[in-house]
PDB file of N, CA and C in Angstrom:
ATOM      1  N   UNK A   1     111.609 113.301 127.948  1.00  0.00           N
ATOM      2  CA  UNK A   1     113.195 113.543 128.030  1.00  0.00           C
ATOM      3  C   UNK A   1     113.547 112.190 127.378  1.00  0.00           C
ATOM      4  N   UNK A   2     114.368 112.503 126.154  1.00  0.00           N
ATOM      5  CA  UNK A   2     115.107 111.088 125.639  1.00  0.00           C
ATOM      6  C   UNK A   2     116.536 110.482 126.522  1.00  0.00           C
ATOM      7  N   UNK A   3     117.036 109.431 127.109  1.00  0.00           N
ATOM      8  CA  UNK A   3     117.781 109.470 127.267  1.00  0.00           C
ATOM      9  C   UNK A   3     118.899 108.527 126.568  1.00  0.00           C
ATOM     10  N   UNK A   4     120.342 109.015 126.280  1.00  0.00           N
ATOM     11  CA  UNK A   4     121.124 108.536 125.786  1.00  0.00           C
ATOM     12  C   UNK A   4     122.000 107.462 125.974  1.00  0.00           C
ATOM     13  N   UNK A   5     122.504 106.550 125.254  1.00  0.00           N
ATOM     14  CA  UNK A   5     123.620 105.583 125.494  1.00  0.00           C
ATOM     15  C   UNK A   5     124.872 106.512 125.554  1.00  0.00           C
ATOM     16  N   UNK A   6     125.979 106.095 126.784  1.00  0.00           N
ATOM     17  CA  UNK A   6     127.033 106.743 126.618  1.00  0.00           C
ATOM     18  C   UNK A   6     128.122 105.901 126.417  1.00  0.00           C
ATOM     19  N   UNK A   7     129.451 106.034 125.723  1.00  0.00           N
ATOM     20  CA  UNK A   7     130.708 105.151 126.130  1.00  0.00           C
ATOM     21  C   UNK A   7     130.107 103.739 125.736  1.00  0.00           C
ATOM     22  N   UNK A   8     130.916 103.236 127.194  1.00  0.00           N
ATOM     23  CA  UNK A   8     130.444 101.803 127.427  1.00  0.00           C
ATOM     24  C   UNK A   8     129.018 101.148 127.131  1.00  0.00           C
ATOM     25  N   UNK A   9     128.233 101.920 127.432  1.00  0.00           N
ATOM     26  CA  UNK A   9     126.342 101.522 127.447  1.00  0.00           C
ATOM     27  C   UNK A   9     126.519 101.072 125.603  1.00  0.00           C
ATOM     28  N   UNK A  10     127.084 101.683 124.932  1.00  0.00           N
ATOM     29  CA  UNK A  10     126.538 101.654 123.541  1.00  0.00           C
ATOM     30  C   UNK A  10     126.571 100.127 123.291  1.00  0.00           C
ATOM     31  N   UNK A  11     126.045  99.447 122.887  1.00  0.00           N
ATOM     32  CA  UNK A  11     126.182  97.824 122.414  1.00  0.00           C
ATOM     33  C   UNK A  11     126.488  97.587 120.698  1.00  0.00           C
ATOM     34  N   UNK A  12     126.691  98.546 120.175  1.00  0.00           N
ATOM     35  CA  UNK A  12     126.655  98.087 118.543  1.00  0.00           C
ATOM     36  C   UNK A  12     127.954  97.681 118.862  1.00  0.00           C
ATOM     37  N   UNK A  13     128.008  96.901 117.434  1.00  0.00           N
ATOM     38  CA  UNK A  13     129.458  96.670 117.179  1.00  0.00           C
ATOM     39  C   UNK A  13     130.579  97.546 116.215  1.00  0.00           C
ATOM     40  N   UNK A  14     129.279  98.266 115.636  1.00  0.00           N
ATOM     41  CA  UNK A  14     129.871  99.194 114.685  1.00  0.00           C
ATOM     42  C   UNK A  14     128.826 100.033 114.755  1.00  0.00           C
ATOM     43  N   UNK A  15     129.448 101.629 114.341  1.00  0.00           N
ATOM     44  CA  UNK A  15     128.679 102.776 114.630  1.00  0.00           C
ATOM     45  C   UNK A  15     129.119 103.574 113.483  1.00  0.00           C
ATOM     46  N   UNK A  16     127.903 104.519 113.365  1.00  0.00           N
ATOM     47  CA  UNK A  16     128.194 105.639 112.058  1.00  0.00           C
ATOM     48  C   UNK A  16     128.827 106.488 112.806  1.00  0.00           C
ATOM     49  N   UNK A  17     129.771 107.276 112.884  1.00  0.00           N
ATOM     50  CA  UNK A  17     130.390 108.039 113.760  1.00  0.00           C
ATOM     51  C   UNK A  17     130.594 109.452 113.238  1.00  0.00           C
ATOM     52  N   UNK A  18     129.979 110.759 113.803  1.00  0.00           N
ATOM     53  CA  UNK A  18     129.864 111.652 113.446  1.00  0.00           C
ATOM     54  C   UNK A  18     130.772 112.762 114.299  1.00  0.00           C
ATOM     55  N   UNK A  19     131.870 113.532 114.134  1.00  0.00           N
ATOM     56  CA  UNK A  19     132.630 114.008 115.106  1.00  0.00           C
ATOM     57  C   UNK A  19     132.340 115.339 115.455  1.00  0.00           C
ATOM     58  N   UNK A  20     132.668 115.954 116.638  1.00  0.00           N
ATOM     59  CA  UNK A  20     132.527 117.249 117.057  1.00  0.00           C
ATOM     60  C   UNK A  20     131.986 118.393 115.974  1.00  0.00           C
ATOM     61  N   UNK A  21     132.435 118.073 115.007  1.00  0.00           N
ATOM     62  CA  UNK A  21     132.475 119.629 114.042  1.00  0.00           C
ATOM     63  C   UNK A  21     131.008 119.118 112.994  1.00  0.00           C
ATOM     64  N   UNK A  22     130.135 117.997 113.419  1.00  0.00           N
ATOM     65  CA  UNK A  22     129.468 117.226 112.307  1.00  0.00           C
ATOM     66  C   UNK A  22     129.815 116.647 110.659  1.00  0.00           C
ATOM     67  N   UNK A  23     131.416 116.375 111.179  1.00  0.00           N
ATOM     68  CA  UNK A  23     131.788 116.068 109.691  1.00  0.00           C
ATOM     69  C   UNK A  23     131.669 114.493 110.165  1.00  0.00           C
ATOM     70  N   UNK A  24     131.335 113.685 108.967  1.00  0.00           N
ATOM     71  CA  UNK A  24     130.807 112.346 108.786  1.00  0.00           C
ATOM     72  C   UNK A  24     132.212 111.735 108.834  1.00  0.00           C
ATOM     73  N   UNK A  25     132.682 110.461 109.943  1.00  0.00           N
ATOM     74  CA  UNK A  25     133.641 109.915 109.915  1.00  0.00           C
ATOM     75  C   UNK A  25     133.724 108.397 109.081  1.00  0.00           C
ATOM     76  N   UNK A  26     132.421 108.362 109.050  1.00  0.00           N
ATOM     77  CA  UNK A  26     132.445 106.516 108.465  1.00  0.00           C
ATOM     78  C   UNK A  26     131.540 105.558 109.469  1.00  0.00           C
ATOM     79  N   UNK A  27     131.637 104.447 108.661  1.00  0.00           N
ATOM     80  CA  UNK A  27     131.428 102.937 109.764  1.00  0.00           C
ATOM     81  C   UNK A  27     132.540 102.518 110.425  1.00  0.00           C
ATOM     82  N   UNK A  28     132.192 102.313 111.501  1.00  0.00           N
ATOM     83  CA  UNK A  28     134.024 101.957 112.037  1.00  0.00           C
ATOM     84  C   UNK A  28     133.520 100.818 113.499  1.00  0.00           C
ATOM     85  N   UNK A  29     134.457 100.393 113.570  1.00  0.00           N
ATOM     86  CA  UNK A  29     134.120  99.809 114.992  1.00  0.00           C
ATOM     87  C   UNK A  29     133.930 100.766 115.909  1.00  0.00           C
ATOM     88  N   UNK A  30     133.236 100.053 117.598  1.00  0.00           N
ATOM     89  CA  UNK A  30     132.737 100.724 118.062  1.00  0.00           C
ATOM     90  C   UNK A  30     134.177 101.078 119.276  1.00  0.00           C
ATOM     91  N   UNK A  31     134.955 100.110 119.113  1.00  0.00           N
ATOM     92  CA  UNK A  31     136.202 100.345 120.375  1.00  0.00           C
ATOM     93  C   UNK A  31     137.095 101.406 119.550  1.00  0.00           C
ATOM     94  N   UNK A  32     136.962 101.595 117.942  1.00  0.00           N
ATOM     95  CA  UNK A  32     138.252 102.722 117.716  1.00  0.00           C
ATOM     96  C   UNK A  32     136.862 104.177 117.618  1.00  0.00           C
ATOM     97  N   UNK A  33     135.799 104.271 117.630  1.00  0.00           N
ATOM     98  CA  UNK A  33     135.310 104.948 118.051  1.00  0.00           C
ATOM     99  C   UNK A  33     135.287 105.581 119.264  1.00  0.00           C
ATOM    100  N   UNK A  34     135.241 104.553 120.300  1.00  0.00           N
ATOM    101  CA  UNK A  34     135.573 104.854 121.919  1.00  0.00           C
ATOM    102  C   UNK A  34     136.600 105.488 122.034  1.00  0.00           C
ATOM    103  N   UNK A  35     137.923 105.380 121.267  1.00  0.00           N
ATOM    104  CA  UNK A  35     139.585 105.712 121.171  1.00  0.00           C
ATOM    105  C   UNK A  35     139.482 107.151 121.001  1.00  0.00           C
ATOM    106  N   UNK A  36     138.957 107.128 119.973  1.00  0.00           N
ATOM    107  CA  UNK A  36     138.933 108.673 118.795  1.00  0.00           C
ATOM    108  C   UNK A  36     138.020 109.812 120.301  1.00  0.00           C
ATOM    109  N   UNK A  37     136.917 109.673 120.622  1.00  0.00           N
ATOM    110  CA  UNK A  37     136.536 110.401 121.864  1.00  0.00           C
ATOM    111  C   UNK A  37     137.124 110.538 122.631  1.00  0.00           C
ATOM    112  N   UNK A  38     137.860 109.087 123.221  1.00  0.00           N
ATOM    113  CA  UNK A  38     139.132 109.453 124.157  1.00  0.00           C
ATOM    114  C   UNK A  38     140.414 110.590 124.367  1.00  0.00           C
ATOM    115  N   UNK A  39     140.656 110.451 122.899  1.00  0.00           N
ATOM    116  CA  UNK A  39     141.939 111.075 123.006  1.00  0.00           C
ATOM    117  C   UNK A  39     141.340 112.261 122.632  1.00  0.00           C
ATOM    118  N   UNK A  40     140.163 112.731 122.321  1.00  0.00           N
ATOM    119  CA  UNK A  40     139.373 114.250 122.308  1.00  0.00           C
ATOM    120  C   UNK A  40     138.999 114.814 123.471  1.00  0.00           C
ATOM    121  N   UNK A  41     138.882 113.763 124.651  1.00  0.00           N
ATOM    122  CA  UNK A  41     138.271 114.233 126.030  1.00  0.00           C
ATOM    123  C   UNK A  41     137.118 114.264 126.145  1.00  0.00           C
ATOM    124  N   UNK A  42     136.328 113.700 124.801  1.00  0.00           N
ATOM    125  CA  UNK A  42     134.882 113.748 124.768  1.00  0.00           C
ATOM    126  C   UNK A  42     134.260 112.592 125.366  1.00  0.00           C
ATOM    127  N   UNK A  43     132.816 112.097 125.449  1.00  0.00           N
ATOM    128  CA  UNK A  43     131.982 111.076 125.827  1.00  0.00           C
ATOM    129  C   UNK A  43     131.661 110.928 124.216  1.00  0.00           C
ATOM    130  N   UNK A  44     131.315 109.418 124.082  1.00  0.00           N
ATOM    131  CA  UNK A  44     130.659 109.078 122.848  1.00  0.00           C
ATOM    132  C   UNK A  44     129.116 108.734 123.010  1.00  0.00           C
ATOM    133  N   UNK A  45     127.940 109.269 122.160  1.00  0.00           N
ATOM    134  CA  UNK A  45     126.660 109.029 122.660  1.00  0.00           C
ATOM    135  C   UNK A  45     126.590 108.607 121.246  1.00  0.00           C
ATOM    136  N   UNK A  46     125.710 107.479 122.009  1.00  0.00           N
ATOM    137  CA  UNK A  46     124.576 107.264 120.994  1.00  0.00           C
ATOM    138  C   UNK A  46     123.372 108.108 121.142  1.00  0.00           C
ATOM    139  N   UNK A  47     123.123 109.054 119.374  1.00  0.00           N
ATOM    140  CA  UNK A  47     122.350 110.121 119.016  1.00  0.00           C
ATOM    141  C   UNK A  47     120.975 109.354 118.244  1.00  0.00           C
ATOM    142  N   UNK A  48     121.348 107.982 116.860  1.00  0.00           N
ATOM    143  CA  UNK A  48     120.625 107.465 116.777  1.00  0.00           C
ATOM    144  C   UNK A  48     120.546 106.048 116.671  1.00  0.00           C
ATOM    145  N   UNK A  49     119.774 105.146 117.572  1.00  0.00           N
ATOM    146  CA  UNK A  49     120.107 103.733 117.732  1.00  0.00           C
ATOM    147  C   UNK A  49     119.398 103.009 116.933  1.00  0.00           C
ATOM    148  N   UNK A  50     118.111 103.893 115.997  1.00  0.00           N
ATOM    149  CA  UNK A  50     117.372 102.694 115.703  1.00  0.00           C
ATOM    150  C   UNK A  50     118.272 102.936 114.307  1.00  0.00           C
ATOM    151  N   UNK A  51     118.941 103.590 113.811  1.00  0.00           N
ATOM    152  CA  UNK A  51     120.007 103.205 112.326  1.00  0.00           C
ATOM    153  C   UNK A  51     120.454 102.149 112.596  1.00  0.00           C
ATOM    154  N   UNK A  52     120.796 101.584 111.165  1.00  0.00           N
ATOM    155  CA  UNK A  52     121.651 100.467 110.828  1.00  0.00           C
ATOM    156  C   UNK A  52     123.002 100.851 110.203  1.00  0.00           C
ATOM    157  N   UNK A  53     124.032 100.965 110.335  1.00  0.00           N
ATOM    158  CA  UNK A  53     124.523 100.886 112.211  1.00  0.00           C
ATOM    159  C   UNK A  53     123.994 101.920 113.118  1.00  0.00           C
ATOM    160  N   UNK A  54     124.225 102.225 114.210  1.00  0.00           N
ATOM    161  CA  UNK A  54     123.837 103.024 115.063  1.00  0.00           C
ATOM    162  C   UNK A  54     124.617 104.360 114.577  1.00  0.00           C
ATOM    163  N   UNK A  55     123.993 105.500 114.865  1.00  0.00           N
ATOM    164  CA  UNK A  55     124.786 107.343 114.270  1.00  0.00           C
ATOM    165  C   UNK A  55     125.386 107.162 116.379  1.00  0.00           C
ATOM    166  N   UNK A  56     126.732 108.216 116.095  1.00  0.00           N
ATOM    167  CA  UNK A  56     127.363 107.909 117.206  1.00  0.00           C
ATOM    168  C   UNK A  56     127.931 109.574 117.050  1.00  0.00           C
ATOM    169  N   UNK A  57     127.958 110.787 118.130  1.00  0.00           N
ATOM    170  CA  UNK A  57     128.634 111.887 118.063  1.00  0.00           C
ATOM    171  C   UNK A  57     129.493 111.483 118.814  1.00  0.00           C
TER     172      UNK A  57
END
């Protein structure tokens, strides 16, 4: 089973963010992605770490 990095474990400076409905929000700084997830009461999960930039939901 694959383990995913979550929240502060994500090391990238920028990520491609996809919201909870599957809508792509674009490439944004990790701090902004963490803020968005926190405001929605969600964890930020890095689902494609090999992508450039990594993809997070």
